[in-house]
C-alpha atoms as a PDB file:
ATOM      1  CA  MET A   1      -5.826  25.027 -63.466  1.00  0.00           C
ATOM      2  CA  ARG A   2      -6.704  27.761 -65.951  1.00  0.00           C
ATOM      3  CA  LEU A   3      -7.504  31.362 -65.080  1.00  0.00           C
ATOM      4  CA  LEU A   4     -10.195  32.782 -67.348  1.00  0.00           C
ATOM      5  CA  ARG A   5     -10.559  36.232 -65.776  1.00  0.00           C
ATOM      6  CA  VAL A   6      -8.909  38.324 -63.055  1.00  0.00           C
ATOM      7  CA  ARG A   7     -10.300  41.605 -61.774  1.00  0.00           C
ATOM      8  CA  VAL A   8      -8.821  43.824 -59.039  1.00  0.00           C
ATOM      9  CA  THR A   9     -10.379  46.973 -57.555  1.00  0.00           C
ATOM     10  CA  ASN A  10      -8.687  49.350 -55.092  1.00  0.00           C
ATOM     11  CA  TYR A  11      -5.615  47.108 -55.173  1.00  0.00           C
ATOM     12  CA  GLY A  12      -2.723  49.262 -53.966  1.00  0.00           C
ATOM     13  CA  GLY A  13      -2.322  51.899 -56.649  1.00  0.00           C
ATOM     14  CA  VAL A  14      -4.641  50.118 -59.105  1.00  0.00           C
ATOM     15  CA  GLU A  15      -8.124  51.594 -58.951  1.00  0.00           C
ATOM     16  CA  ASP A  16      -9.816  49.092 -61.269  1.00  0.00           C
ATOM     17  CA  CYS A  17      -8.393  46.554 -63.711  1.00  0.00           C
ATOM     18  CA  GLU A  18      -9.801  43.448 -65.396  1.00  0.00           C
ATOM     19  CA  VAL A  19      -8.046  40.974 -67.696  1.00  0.00           C
ATOM     20  CA  CYS A  20      -9.769  38.107 -69.521  1.00  0.00           C
ATOM     21  CA  PHE A  21      -7.601  35.174 -70.610  1.00  0.00           C
ATOM     22  CA  ALA A  22      -8.167  32.976 -73.642  1.00  0.00           C
ATOM     23  CA  PRO A  23      -9.618  29.559 -72.755  1.00  0.00           C
ATOM     24  CA  THR A  24      -6.857  27.922 -74.850  1.00  0.00           C
ATOM     25  CA  GLY A  25      -3.333  28.825 -75.810  1.00  0.00           C
ATOM     26  CA  VAL A  26      -1.247  31.531 -74.138  1.00  0.00           C
ATOM     27  CA  THR A  27      -2.403  34.995 -73.084  1.00  0.00           C
ATOM     28  CA  ILE A  28       0.214  37.760 -72.892  1.00  0.00           C
ATOM     29  CA  VAL A  29      -0.470  40.725 -70.599  1.00  0.00           C
ATOM     30  CA  GLN A  30       1.509  43.685 -71.940  1.00  0.00           C
ATOM     31  CA  GLY A  31       1.729  47.284 -70.739  1.00  0.00           C
ATOM     32  CA  PRO A  32       4.010  50.010 -69.372  1.00  0.00           C
ATOM     33  CA  ASN A  33       5.891  49.559 -66.114  1.00  0.00           C
ATOM     34  CA  GLU A  34       4.012  50.082 -62.851  1.00  0.00           C
ATOM     35  CA  ILE A  35       0.634  49.714 -64.547  1.00  0.00           C
ATOM     36  CA  GLY A  36      -0.359  46.707 -62.453  1.00  0.00           C
ATOM     37  CA  LYS A  37       0.636  43.603 -64.446  1.00  0.00           C
ATOM     38  CA  SER A  38       2.411  41.996 -61.494  1.00  0.00           C
ATOM     39  CA  SER A  39      -0.500  42.917 -59.245  1.00  0.00           C
ATOM     40  CA  LEU A  40      -2.743  40.517 -61.175  1.00  0.00           C
ATOM     41  CA  LEU A  41      -0.512  37.560 -60.305  1.00  0.00           C
ATOM     42  CA  GLU A  42      -0.123  38.719 -56.716  1.00  0.00           C
ATOM     43  CA  ALA A  43      -3.901  39.081 -56.438  1.00  0.00           C
ATOM     44  CA  VAL A  44      -4.362  35.418 -57.405  1.00  0.00           C
ATOM     45  CA  ASP A  45      -2.128  34.356 -54.500  1.00  0.00           C
ATOM     46  CA  VAL A  46      -3.905  36.723 -52.111  1.00  0.00           C
ATOM     47  CA  ILE A  47      -7.420  35.537 -52.919  1.00  0.00           C
ATOM     48  CA  PHE A  48      -6.460  31.843 -52.700  1.00  0.00           C
ATOM     49  CA  ASP A  49      -4.144  31.988 -49.669  1.00  0.00           C
ATOM     50  CA  HIS A  50      -5.701  34.475 -47.237  1.00  0.00           C
ATOM     51  CA  LEU A  51      -8.987  34.940 -45.424  1.00  0.00           C
ATOM     52  CA  ASP A  52     -10.762  38.245 -45.927  1.00  0.00           C
ATOM     53  CA  SER A  53     -10.186  38.964 -42.208  1.00  0.00           C
ATOM     54  CA  THR A  54      -6.438  38.357 -42.226  1.00  0.00           C
ATOM     55  CA  ALA A  55      -4.017  40.881 -40.744  1.00  0.00           C
ATOM     56  CA  LYS A  56      -0.912  39.606 -42.528  1.00  0.00           C
ATOM     57  CA  ARG A  57       1.609  42.052 -43.927  1.00  0.00           C
ATOM     58  CA  GLU A  58       1.222  41.050 -47.587  1.00  0.00           C
ATOM     59  CA  VAL A  59      -2.502  41.818 -47.406  1.00  0.00           C
ATOM     60  CA  LYS A  60      -2.044  45.079 -45.505  1.00  0.00           C
ATOM     61  CA  GLU A  61       0.394  46.247 -48.218  1.00  0.00           C
ATOM     62  CA  ILE A  62      -2.282  46.069 -50.942  1.00  0.00           C
ATOM     63  CA  LYS A  63      -4.654  48.434 -49.108  1.00  0.00           C
ATOM     64  CA  PRO A  64      -5.360  51.483 -51.320  1.00  0.00           C
ATOM     65  CA  VAL A  65      -3.524  54.654 -50.358  1.00  0.00           C
ATOM     66  CA  HIS A  66      -5.511  57.814 -49.549  1.00  0.00           C
ATOM     67  CA  ARG A  67      -8.821  55.994 -50.115  1.00  0.00           C
ATOM     68  CA  ASP A  68     -11.124  54.552 -47.504  1.00  0.00           C
ATOM     69  CA  ALA A  69     -12.152  51.568 -49.595  1.00  0.00           C
ATOM     70  CA  GLY A  70     -11.835  47.800 -49.464  1.00  0.00           C
ATOM     71  CA  THR A  71      -9.589  45.874 -51.850  1.00  0.00           C
ATOM     72  CA  GLU A  72     -11.630  43.583 -54.126  1.00  0.00           C
ATOM     73  CA  ILE A  73     -10.356  40.572 -56.080  1.00  0.00           C
ATOM     74  CA  GLU A  74     -12.460  38.358 -58.346  1.00  0.00           C
ATOM     75  CA  VAL A  75     -11.360  35.426 -60.521  1.00  0.00           C
ATOM     76  CA  ASP A  76     -13.011  32.990 -62.927  1.00  0.00           C
ATOM     77  CA  VAL A  77     -11.271  29.596 -62.716  1.00  0.00           C
ATOM     78  CA  GLU A  78     -11.424  26.181 -64.361  1.00  0.00           C
ATOM     79  CA  THR A  79      -9.602  23.315 -62.633  1.00  0.00           C
ATOM     80  CA  GLY A  80     -10.330  19.632 -63.096  1.00  0.00           C
ATOM     81  CA  PRO A  81     -14.096  19.184 -63.396  1.00  0.00           C
ATOM     82  CA  TYR A  82     -14.751  22.475 -61.581  1.00  0.00           C
ATOM     83  CA  ALA A  83     -15.612  25.915 -62.960  1.00  0.00           C
ATOM     84  CA  PHE A  84     -16.234  28.671 -60.452  1.00  0.00           C
ATOM     85  CA  THR A  85     -16.189  32.421 -59.745  1.00  0.00           C
ATOM     86  CA  TYR A  86     -14.406  33.478 -56.548  1.00  0.00           C
ATOM     87  CA  PHE A  87     -14.678  36.945 -54.947  1.00  0.00           C
ATOM     88  CA  LYS A  88     -13.092  38.526 -51.850  1.00  0.00           C
ATOM     89  CA  ARG A  89     -13.101  42.009 -50.338  1.00  0.00           C
ATOM     90  CA  PHE A  90     -10.402  42.898 -47.774  1.00  0.00           C
ATOM     91  CA  HIS A  91      -9.858  45.714 -45.226  1.00  0.00           C
ATOM     92  CA  LYS A  92     -13.368  47.230 -45.253  1.00  0.00           C
ATOM     93  CA  ASP A  93     -16.816  45.603 -45.463  1.00  0.00           C
ATOM     94  CA  ARG A  94     -15.052  42.242 -45.715  1.00  0.00           C
ATOM     95  CA  GLU A  95     -16.766  39.612 -47.796  1.00  0.00           C
ATOM     96  CA  THR A  96     -16.089  36.242 -49.461  1.00  0.00           C
ATOM     97  CA  ARG A  97     -18.340  34.695 -52.136  1.00  0.00           C
ATOM     98  CA  LEU A  98     -18.025  31.504 -54.157  1.00  0.00           C
ATOM     99  CA  ARG A  99     -20.290  30.451 -57.035  1.00  0.00           C
ATOM    100  CA  ILE A 100     -19.548  27.027 -58.521  1.00  0.00           C
ATOM    101  CA  GLU A 101     -21.108  26.420 -61.934  1.00  0.00           C
ATOM    102  CA  ARG A 102     -19.993  22.836 -62.506  1.00  0.00           C
ATOM    103  CA  PRO A 103     -19.919  19.906 -61.975  1.00  0.00           C
ATOM    104  CA  GLN A 104     -22.951  20.957 -59.903  1.00  0.00           C
ATOM    105  CA  PRO A 105     -24.073  24.440 -58.814  1.00  0.00           C
ATOM    106  CA  GLU A 106     -23.021  25.618 -55.372  1.00  0.00           C
ATOM    107  CA  SER A 107     -23.124  28.988 -53.629  1.00  0.00           C
ATOM    108  CA  LEU A 108     -21.067  29.605 -50.490  1.00  0.00           C
ATOM    109  CA  THR A 109     -19.895  32.592 -48.443  1.00  0.00           C
ATOM    110  CA  ALA A 110     -17.410  33.567 -45.699  1.00  0.00           C
ATOM    111  CA  ARG A 111     -15.048  30.927 -44.245  1.00  0.00           C
ATOM    112  CA  GLU A 112     -17.076  28.099 -45.782  1.00  0.00           C
ATOM    113  CA  ALA A 113     -16.356  29.459 -49.275  1.00  0.00           C
ATOM    114  CA  HIS A 114     -12.618  29.837 -48.493  1.00  0.00           C
ATOM    115  CA  ASP A 115     -12.332  26.256 -47.227  1.00  0.00           C
ATOM    116  CA  ARG A 116     -14.250  24.910 -50.229  1.00  0.00           C
ATOM    117  CA  VAL A 117     -11.849  26.576 -52.690  1.00  0.00           C
ATOM    118  CA  ARG A 118      -8.846  25.192 -50.809  1.00  0.00           C
ATOM    119  CA  GLN A 119     -10.428  21.753 -50.986  1.00  0.00           C
ATOM    120  CA  ILE A 120     -10.995  22.063 -54.747  1.00  0.00           C
ATOM    121  CA  LEU A 121      -7.400  23.196 -55.377  1.00  0.00           C
ATOM    122  CA  GLU A 122      -5.914  20.396 -53.277  1.00  0.00           C
ATOM    123  CA  GLU A 123      -8.152  17.921 -55.098  1.00  0.00           C
ATOM    124  CA  THR A 124      -7.350  19.050 -58.644  1.00  0.00           C
ATOM    125  CA  LEU A 125      -3.979  20.829 -58.508  1.00  0.00           C
ATOM    126  CA  ASP A 126      -0.425  20.385 -57.250  1.00  0.00           C
ATOM    127  CA  VAL A 127      -0.429  23.841 -55.635  1.00  0.00           C
ATOM    128  CA  ASP A 128       3.234  23.875 -54.609  1.00  0.00           C
ATOM    129  CA  LEU A 129       4.422  22.877 -58.084  1.00  0.00           C
ATOM    130  CA  TRP A 130       2.083  25.392 -59.693  1.00  0.00           C
ATOM    131  CA  LYS A 131       3.558  28.189 -57.574  1.00  0.00           C
ATOM    132  CA  ALA A 132       7.115  26.965 -58.098  1.00  0.00           C
ATOM    133  CA  LEU A 133       6.902  26.961 -61.890  1.00  0.00           C
ATOM    134  CA  ARG A 134       5.543  30.492 -62.289  1.00  0.00           C
ATOM    135  CA  ILE A 135       7.808  33.240 -63.583  1.00  0.00           C
ATOM    136  CA  GLU A 136       7.062  36.835 -62.672  1.00  0.00           C
ATOM    137  CA  GLN A 137       8.195  39.945 -64.511  1.00  0.00           C
ATOM    138  CA  GLY A 138      11.362  41.406 -63.071  1.00  0.00           C
ATOM    139  CA  THR A 139      12.473  38.220 -61.285  1.00  0.00           C
ATOM    140  CA  GLN A 140      15.418  36.085 -62.250  1.00  0.00           C
ATOM    141  CA  VAL A 141      14.634  32.878 -64.126  1.00  0.00           C
ATOM    142  CA  SER A 142      15.907  30.097 -61.861  1.00  0.00           C
ATOM    143  CA  GLN A 143      15.227  26.505 -61.007  1.00  0.00           C
ATOM    144  CA  ALA A 144      11.814  25.823 -59.505  1.00  0.00           C
ATOM    145  CA  ASP A 145      11.608  25.276 -55.758  1.00  0.00           C
ATOM    146  CA  LEU A 146      10.775  21.587 -55.418  1.00  0.00           C
ATOM    147  CA  SER A 147      11.454  21.286 -51.701  1.00  0.00           C
ATOM    148  CA  HIS A 148       7.860  20.162 -51.121  1.00  0.00           C
ATOM    149  CA  GLN A 149       7.776  17.817 -54.121  1.00  0.00           C
ATOM    150  CA  ARG A 150       9.686  14.718 -53.019  1.00  0.00           C
ATOM    151  CA  SER A 151       8.177  12.410 -55.610  1.00  0.00           C
ATOM    152  CA  LEU A 152       8.873  14.851 -58.448  1.00  0.00           C
ATOM    153  CA  SER A 153      12.413  15.504 -57.225  1.00  0.00           C
ATOM    154  CA  ALA A 154      13.108  11.777 -57.092  1.00  0.00           C
ATOM    155  CA  ALA A 155      11.696  11.301 -60.565  1.00  0.00           C
ATOM    156  CA  LEU A 156      13.845  14.118 -61.947  1.00  0.00           C
ATOM    157  CA  GLU A 157      16.886  12.642 -60.226  1.00  0.00           C
ATOM    158  CA  ARG A 158      16.232   9.254 -61.807  1.00  0.00           C
ATOM    159  CA  ALA A 159      15.646  10.864 -65.192  1.00  0.00           C
ATOM    160  CA  ALA A 160      18.954  12.702 -64.899  1.00  0.00           C
ATOM    161  CA  GLY A 161      20.764   9.334 -64.531  1.00  0.00           C
ATOM    162  CA  GLY A 162      22.427  10.242 -61.258  1.00  0.00           C
ATOM    163  CA  SER A 163      26.118  10.979 -60.698  1.00  0.00           C
ATOM    164  CA  ALA A 164      28.730  10.123 -58.120  1.00  0.00           C
ATOM    165  CA  PRO A 165      28.298  12.328 -55.117  1.00  0.00           C
ATOM    166  CA  GLY A 166      31.117  14.653 -54.084  1.00  0.00           C
ATOM    167  CA  PRO A 167      32.379  15.288 -50.511  1.00  0.00           C
ATOM    168  CA  GLN A 168      29.865  18.036 -49.928  1.00  0.00           C
ATOM    169  CA  GLU A 169      27.046  15.876 -51.260  1.00  0.00           C
ATOM    170  CA  GLU A 170      28.178  12.987 -49.035  1.00  0.00           C
ATOM    171  CA  THR A 171      28.079  15.305 -46.023  1.00  0.00           C
ATOM    172  CA  LEU A 172      24.643  16.512 -47.004  1.00  0.00           C
ATOM    173  CA  LEU A 173      23.476  12.932 -47.532  1.00  0.00           C
ATOM    174  CA  ASP A 174      24.740  11.954 -44.081  1.00  0.00           C
ATOM    175  CA  ALA A 175      22.883  14.891 -42.589  1.00  0.00           C
ATOM    176  CA  VAL A 176      19.749  13.861 -44.441  1.00  0.00           C
ATOM    177  CA  ARG A 177      20.138  10.269 -43.239  1.00  0.00           C
ATOM    178  CA  GLN A 178      20.683  11.446 -39.684  1.00  0.00           C
ATOM    179  CA  GLU A 179      17.616  13.667 -39.820  1.00  0.00           C
ATOM    180  CA  TYR A 180      15.622  10.836 -41.427  1.00  0.00           C
ATOM    181  CA  GLY A 181      16.758   8.504 -38.641  1.00  0.00           C
ATOM    182  CA  ARG A 182      15.279  10.853 -36.047  1.00  0.00           C
ATOM    183  CA  TYR A 183      11.786  10.139 -37.353  1.00  0.00           C
ATOM    184  CA  TYR A 184      11.974   6.737 -39.166  1.00  0.00           C
ATOM    185  CA  THR A 185      13.528   3.367 -38.425  1.00  0.00           C
ATOM    186  CA  ASP A 186      15.695   1.507 -40.948  1.00  0.00           C
ATOM    187  CA  THR A 187      12.601  -0.403 -42.015  1.00  0.00           C
ATOM    188  CA  GLY A 188      10.683   2.825 -42.683  1.00  0.00           C
ATOM    189  CA  ARG A 189       8.448   2.721 -39.625  1.00  0.00           C
ATOM    190  CA  GLU A 190       7.658   5.998 -37.900  1.00  0.00           C
ATOM    191  CA  ARG A 191       9.398   6.718 -34.650  1.00  0.00           C
ATOM    192  CA  LYS A 192       7.778   8.160 -31.554  1.00  0.00           C
ATOM    193  CA  GLU A 193       9.369  11.558 -32.215  1.00  0.00           C
ATOM    194  CA  LEU A 194       7.536  11.861 -35.541  1.00  0.00           C
ATOM    195  CA  ASP A 195       4.182  11.089 -33.948  1.00  0.00           C
ATOM    196  CA  GLU A 196       4.904  13.584 -31.174  1.00  0.00           C
ATOM    197  CA  ALA A 197       5.984  16.149 -33.736  1.00  0.00           C
ATOM    198  CA  ARG A 198       2.787  15.504 -35.732  1.00  0.00           C
ATOM    199  CA  ARG A 199       0.633  15.900 -32.614  1.00  0.00           C
ATOM    200  CA  ALA A 200       2.578  19.018 -31.683  1.00  0.00           C
ATOM    201  CA  ARG A 201       1.986  20.353 -35.193  1.00  0.00           C
ATOM    202  CA  GLU A 202      -1.733  19.597 -34.960  1.00  0.00           C
ATOM    203  CA  GLN A 203      -1.899  21.240 -31.548  1.00  0.00           C
ATOM    204  CA  ALA A 204       0.027  24.216 -32.864  1.00  0.00           C
ATOM    205  CA  GLY A 205      -2.360  24.368 -35.826  1.00  0.00           C
ATOM    206  CA  LYS A 206      -5.334  24.394 -33.464  1.00  0.00           C
ATOM    207  CA  GLU A 207      -3.692  27.134 -31.422  1.00  0.00           C
ATOM    208  CA  VAL A 208      -2.986  29.086 -34.598  1.00  0.00           C
ATOM    209  CA  ASP A 209      -6.602  28.679 -35.702  1.00  0.00           C
ATOM    210  CA  SER A 210      -7.811  29.753 -32.267  1.00  0.00           C
ATOM    211  CA  ALA A 211      -5.471  32.725 -32.295  1.00  0.00           C
ATOM    212  CA  GLN A 212      -6.607  33.557 -35.827  1.00  0.00           C
ATOM    213  CA  ARG A 213     -10.247  33.485 -34.733  1.00  0.00           C
ATOM    214  CA  GLU A 214      -9.452  35.667 -31.732  1.00  0.00           C
ATOM    215  CA  LEU A 215      -7.541  38.020 -34.021  1.00  0.00           C
ATOM    216  CA  GLU A 216     -10.493  38.136 -36.407  1.00  0.00           C
ATOM    217  CA  ASN A 217     -12.816  38.890 -33.503  1.00  0.00           C
ATOM    218  CA  LEU A 218     -10.462  41.600 -32.251  1.00  0.00           C
ATOM    219  CA  GLU A 219     -10.199  43.121 -35.723  1.00  0.00           C
ATOM    220  CA  ALA A 220     -13.982  43.059 -35.997  1.00  0.00           C
ATOM    221  CA  ASP A 221     -14.222  44.739 -32.576  1.00  0.00           C
ATOM    222  CA  VAL A 222     -11.640  47.332 -33.636  1.00  0.00           C
ATOM    223  CA  GLU A 223     -13.554  48.102 -36.808  1.00  0.00           C
ATOM    224  CA  ARG A 224     -16.824  48.247 -34.897  1.00  0.00           C
ATOM    225  CA  SER A 225     -15.220  50.528 -32.311  1.00  0.00           C
ATOM    226  CA  ALA A 226     -13.928  52.787 -35.083  1.00  0.00           C
ATOM    227  CA  ARG A 227     -17.366  52.909 -36.712  1.00  0.00           C
ATOM    228  CA  LEU A 228     -19.029  53.661 -33.388  1.00  0.00           C
ATOM    229  CA  ALA A 229     -16.459  56.354 -32.615  1.00  0.00           C
ATOM    230  CA  SER A 230     -17.096  57.901 -36.025  1.00  0.00           C
ATOM    231  CA  LYS A 231     -20.846  57.796 -35.441  1.00  0.00           C
ATOM    232  CA  LEU A 232     -20.343  59.301 -31.967  1.00  0.00           C
ATOM    233  CA  GLU A 233     -18.334  62.186 -33.389  1.00  0.00           C
ATOM    234  CA  ALA A 234     -21.017  62.737 -36.004  1.00  0.00           C
ATOM    235  CA  LEU A 235     -23.710  62.758 -33.305  1.00  0.00           C
ATOM    236  CA  ARG A 236     -21.942  65.136 -30.907  1.00  0.00           C
ATOM    237  CA  PRO A 237     -23.057  68.323 -32.752  1.00  0.00           C
ATOM    238  CA  LEU A 238     -26.635  67.132 -32.414  1.00  0.00           C
ATOM    239  CA  ILE A 239     -26.517  67.130 -28.606  1.00  0.00           C
ATOM    240  CA  SER A 240     -26.917  70.909 -28.236  1.00  0.00           C
ATOM    241  CA  GLU A 241     -29.670  70.897 -30.842  1.00  0.00           C
ATOM    242  CA  LEU A 242     -31.444  68.101 -29.030  1.00  0.00           C
ATOM    243  CA  LYS A 243     -31.108  69.912 -25.697  1.00  0.00           C
ATOM    244  CA  ALA A 244     -32.652  73.058 -27.187  1.00  0.00           C
ATOM    245  CA  ASP A 245     -35.385  70.956 -28.730  1.00  0.00           C
ATOM    246  CA  VAL A 246     -36.018  69.271 -25.365  1.00  0.00           C
ATOM    247  CA  ASN A 247     -36.300  72.654 -23.641  1.00  0.00           C
ATOM    248  CA  ALA A 248     -38.675  73.936 -26.316  1.00  0.00           C
ATOM    249  CA  ARG A 249     -40.753  70.792 -26.055  1.00  0.00           C
ATOM    250  CA  ALA A 250     -40.824  71.098 -22.244  1.00  0.00           C
ATOM    251  CA  ALA A 251     -42.147  74.663 -22.500  1.00  0.00           C
ATOM    252  CA  HIS A 252     -44.641  73.517 -25.092  1.00  0.00           C
ATOM    253  CA  TRP A 253     -45.708  70.667 -22.814  1.00  0.00           C
ATOM    254  CA  GLU A 254     -46.236  73.086 -19.923  1.00  0.00           C
ATOM    255  CA  GLU A 255     -48.404  75.258 -22.163  1.00  0.00           C
ATOM    256  CA  VAL A 256     -50.324  72.206 -23.315  1.00  0.00           C
ATOM    257  CA  SER A 257     -50.860  71.180 -19.669  1.00  0.00           C
ATOM    258  CA  LYS A 258     -52.305  74.605 -18.866  1.00  0.00           C
ATOM    259  CA  LEU A 259     -54.565  74.456 -21.891  1.00  0.00           C
ATOM    260  CA  SER A 260     -55.651  70.971 -20.840  1.00  0.00           C
ATOM    261  CA  GLN A 261     -56.632  72.281 -17.400  1.00  0.00           C
ATOM    262  CA  GLU A 262     -58.513  75.154 -19.002  1.00  0.00           C
ATOM    263  CA  LEU A 263     -60.207  72.681 -21.309  1.00  0.00           C
ATOM    264  CA  VAL A 264     -61.321  70.581 -18.329  1.00  0.00           C
ATOM    265  CA  ALA A 265     -62.721  73.708 -16.629  1.00  0.00           C
ATOM    266  CA  LEU A 266     -64.515  74.724 -19.841  1.00  0.00           C
ATOM    267  CA  ARG A 267     -65.969  71.251 -20.199  1.00  0.00           C
ATOM    268  CA  ASN A 268     -67.283  71.402 -16.598  1.00  0.00           C
ATOM    269  CA  ARG A 269     -68.697  74.833 -17.311  1.00  0.00           C
ATOM    270  CA  CYS A 270     -70.321  73.608 -20.498  1.00  0.00           C
ATOM    271  CA  LYS A 271     -71.792  70.721 -18.570  1.00  0.00           C
ATOM    272  CA  ALA A 272     -73.252  73.116 -15.990  1.00  0.00           C
ATOM    273  CA  GLU A 273     -74.552  75.352 -18.783  1.00  0.00           C
ATOM    274  CA  ASP A 274     -76.170  72.324 -20.415  1.00  0.00           C
ATOM    275  CA  GLU A 275     -77.918  71.452 -17.128  1.00  0.00           C
ATOM    276  CA  ALA A 276     -79.062  75.052 -16.706  1.00  0.00           C
ATOM    277  CA  GLN A 277     -80.308  75.100 -20.292  1.00  0.00           C
ATOM    278  CA  LYS A 278     -82.218  71.870 -19.712  1.00  0.00           C
ATOM    279  CA  ASN A 279     -83.779  73.307 -16.536  1.00  0.00           C
ATOM    280  CA  ALA A 280     -84.697  76.538 -18.344  1.00  0.00           C
ATOM    281  CA  ARG A 281     -86.246  74.572 -21.200  1.00  0.00           C
ATOM    282  CA  ARG A 282     -88.197  72.477 -18.710  1.00  0.00           C
ATOM    283  CA  GLU A 283     -89.423  75.639 -16.863  1.00  0.00           C
ATOM    284  CA  GLU A 284     -90.300  77.208 -20.208  1.00  0.00           C
ATOM    285  CA  GLN A 285     -92.360  74.173 -21.106  1.00  0.00           C
ATOM    286  CA  GLU A 286     -94.073  74.350 -17.699  1.00  0.00           C
ATOM    287  CA  ARG A 287     -94.799  78.083 -18.219  1.00  0.00           C
ATOM    288  CA  GLU A 288     -96.178  77.342 -21.675  1.00  0.00           C
ATOM    289  CA  ALA A 289     -98.390  74.621 -20.131  1.00  0.00           C
ATOM    290  CA  LEU A 290     -99.538  77.039 -17.377  1.00  0.00           C
ATOM    291  CA  ALA A 291    -100.210  79.733 -19.958  1.00  0.00           C
ATOM    292  CA  THR A 292    -102.282  77.272 -21.953  1.00  0.00           C
ATOM    293  CA  SER A 293    -104.179  76.266 -18.775  1.00  0.00           C
ATOM    294  CA  LEU A 294    -104.661  79.930 -17.908  1.00  0.00           C
ATOM    295  CA  LYS A 295    -106.099  80.664 -21.327  1.00  0.00           C
ATOM    296  CA  GLU A 296    -108.438  77.716 -21.012  1.00  0.00           C
ATOM    297  CA  ALA A 297    -109.461  78.822 -17.481  1.00  0.00           C
ATOM    298  CA  GLU A 298    -110.018  82.361 -18.714  1.00  0.00           C
ATOM    299  CA  ALA A 299    -112.170  81.049 -21.547  1.00  0.00           C
ATOM    300  CA  THR A 300    -114.137  78.871 -19.111  1.00  0.00           C
ATOM    301  CA  TYR A 301    -114.515  81.833 -16.722  1.00  0.00           C
ATOM    302  CA  ALA A 302    -115.786  84.040 -19.517  1.00  0.00           C
ATOM    303  CA  ARG A 303    -118.215  81.386 -20.615  1.00  0.00           C
ATOM    304  CA  LEU A 304    -119.415  80.852 -17.028  1.00  0.00           C
ATOM    305  CA  ARG A 305    -119.669  84.583 -16.534  1.00  0.00           C
ATOM    306  CA  GLU A 306    -121.810  84.897 -19.611  1.00  0.00           C
ATOM    307  CA  ASP A 307    -123.930  82.016 -18.381  1.00  0.00           C
ATOM    308  CA  HIS A 308    -124.161  83.728 -14.985  1.00  0.00           C
ATOM    309  CA  GLN A 309    -125.209  87.000 -16.557  1.00  0.00           C
ATOM    310  CA  ALA A 310    -127.804  85.150 -18.593  1.00  0.00           C
ATOM    311  CA  SER A 311    -129.195  83.267 -15.535  1.00  0.00           C
ATOM    312  CA  VAL A 312    -129.485  86.351 -13.225  1.00  0.00           C
ATOM    313  CA  PRO A 313    -133.042  87.317 -14.418  1.00  0.00           C
ATOM    314  CA  ALA A 314    -134.246  83.726 -14.098  1.00  0.00           C
ATOM    315  CA  LEU A 315    -132.642  83.586 -10.671  1.00  0.00           C
ATOM    316  CA  GLU A 316    -134.528  86.708  -9.626  1.00  0.00           C
ATOM    317  CA  ASP A 317    -137.788  85.280 -10.963  1.00  0.00           C
ATOM    318  CA  GLY A 318    -137.080  82.052  -9.111  1.00  0.00           C
ATOM    319  CA  LYS A 319    -136.409  83.954  -5.907  1.00  0.00           C
ATOM    320  CA  ARG A 320    -139.709  85.814  -6.176  1.00  0.00           C
ATOM    321  CA  ALA A 321    -141.560  82.570  -7.001  1.00  0.00           C
ATOM    322  CA  CYS A 322    -139.889  80.928  -4.091  1.00  0.00           C
ATOM    323  CA  GLU A 323    -140.943  83.732  -1.747  1.00  0.00           C
ATOM    324  CA  HIS A 324    -144.550  83.348  -2.975  1.00  0.00           C
ATOM    325  CA  LYS A 325    -144.317  79.622  -2.492  1.00  0.00           C
ATOM    326  CA  VAL A 326    -142.977  80.115   1.024  1.00  0.00           C
ATOM    327  CA  LYS A 327    -145.894  82.405   1.833  1.00  0.00           C
ATOM    328  CA  ASP A 328    -148.263  79.861   0.303  1.00  0.00           C
ATOM    329  CA  LEU A 329    -146.605  77.129   2.366  1.00  0.00           C
ATOM    330  CA  ALA A 330    -146.973  79.137   5.562  1.00  0.00           C
ATOM    331  CA  GLY A 331    -150.677  79.706   4.836  1.00  0.00           C
ATOM    332  CA  ALA A 332    -151.139  76.029   4.069  1.00  0.00           C
ATOM    333  CA  THR A 333    -149.332  75.130   7.249  1.00  0.00           C
ATOM    334  CA  ASP A 334    -151.601  77.418   9.311  1.00  0.00           C
ATOM    335  CA  ALA A 335    -154.640  75.894   7.579  1.00  0.00           C
ATOM    336  CA  ALA A 336    -153.402  72.398   8.293  1.00  0.00           C
ATOM    337  CA  GLU A 337    -152.848  73.258  11.934  1.00  0.00           C
ATOM    338  CA  ALA A 338    -156.359  74.740  12.140  1.00  0.00           C
ATOM    339  CA  ALA A 339    -157.783  71.624  10.517  1.00  0.00           C
ATOM    340  CA  ALA A 340    -155.881  69.482  12.913  1.00  0.00           C
ATOM    341  CA  ASP A 341    -157.214  71.524  15.819  1.00  0.00           C
ATOM    342  CA  ALA A 342    -160.705  71.134  14.383  1.00  0.00           C
ATOM    343  CA  VAL A 343    -160.331  67.426  14.070  1.00  0.00           C
END
């Protein structure tokens, strides 16, 4: 595995630091003491070994002091056929991102990204040997811890040629044989105790995973509770303002209600006034019609009166002619009666 770039932000006392490594050869990181050189190597272990939600001591210790910020770690890595960029943020606004560039592009987040990186490292790297062979500044140079590398230890033993064991080595060998005999037969077959121990380990692993998930949920609840408490404290000063606003709005609503009632009364009054205006207009039209009829009647009366005045002399002449005719009729009647008597 080759690290191409390491960047840490808010990592303990380191506010922001990025180091790019040469793709070939050896890169030397040099600087004064306590500047953060060892933190780069520690950050690589943290980002590969721990979930962003972990509550382990080694992760709590890297939390920045006197700053409410999350610790961020990002690395560019090449291992086997893989090349990827891996990012994690701890403590606050936790996040995990993985972007694989080759052999084929992938983009993952959260626990899925963490598990994928572990899978890649186990596939392409002897992780225990890689950790054992690293040398950190300020630590004593000593033999690598190969307790988890049985095949390598055996190969080194064979390469060394072996030597006659001493009394202490014989005692240790007997203890090893006795411990081996607890789990394997002389033919190398697994004993029942080993299977039970394996099942117990698997069960314990499941319990640890379950406890880890519960712990993550509890930590999420704690953070959510803290955020809600902070929001509640921020909202408390607004309560009195909101109460005053509610009272003002209530008074305003009462005034609006009164105005609404007055508006209803005015609308009814306007409606009545409209009806009265319509009636008055109708009466006015009737009066105008009567006035027109009156003028016409007056004109007719004047015309008839003029005709009457003009016909009065003729009427008098007619009366006199009628009287003469009546007298003539009476005379004719007397003559007719006399004639009848004569006949």
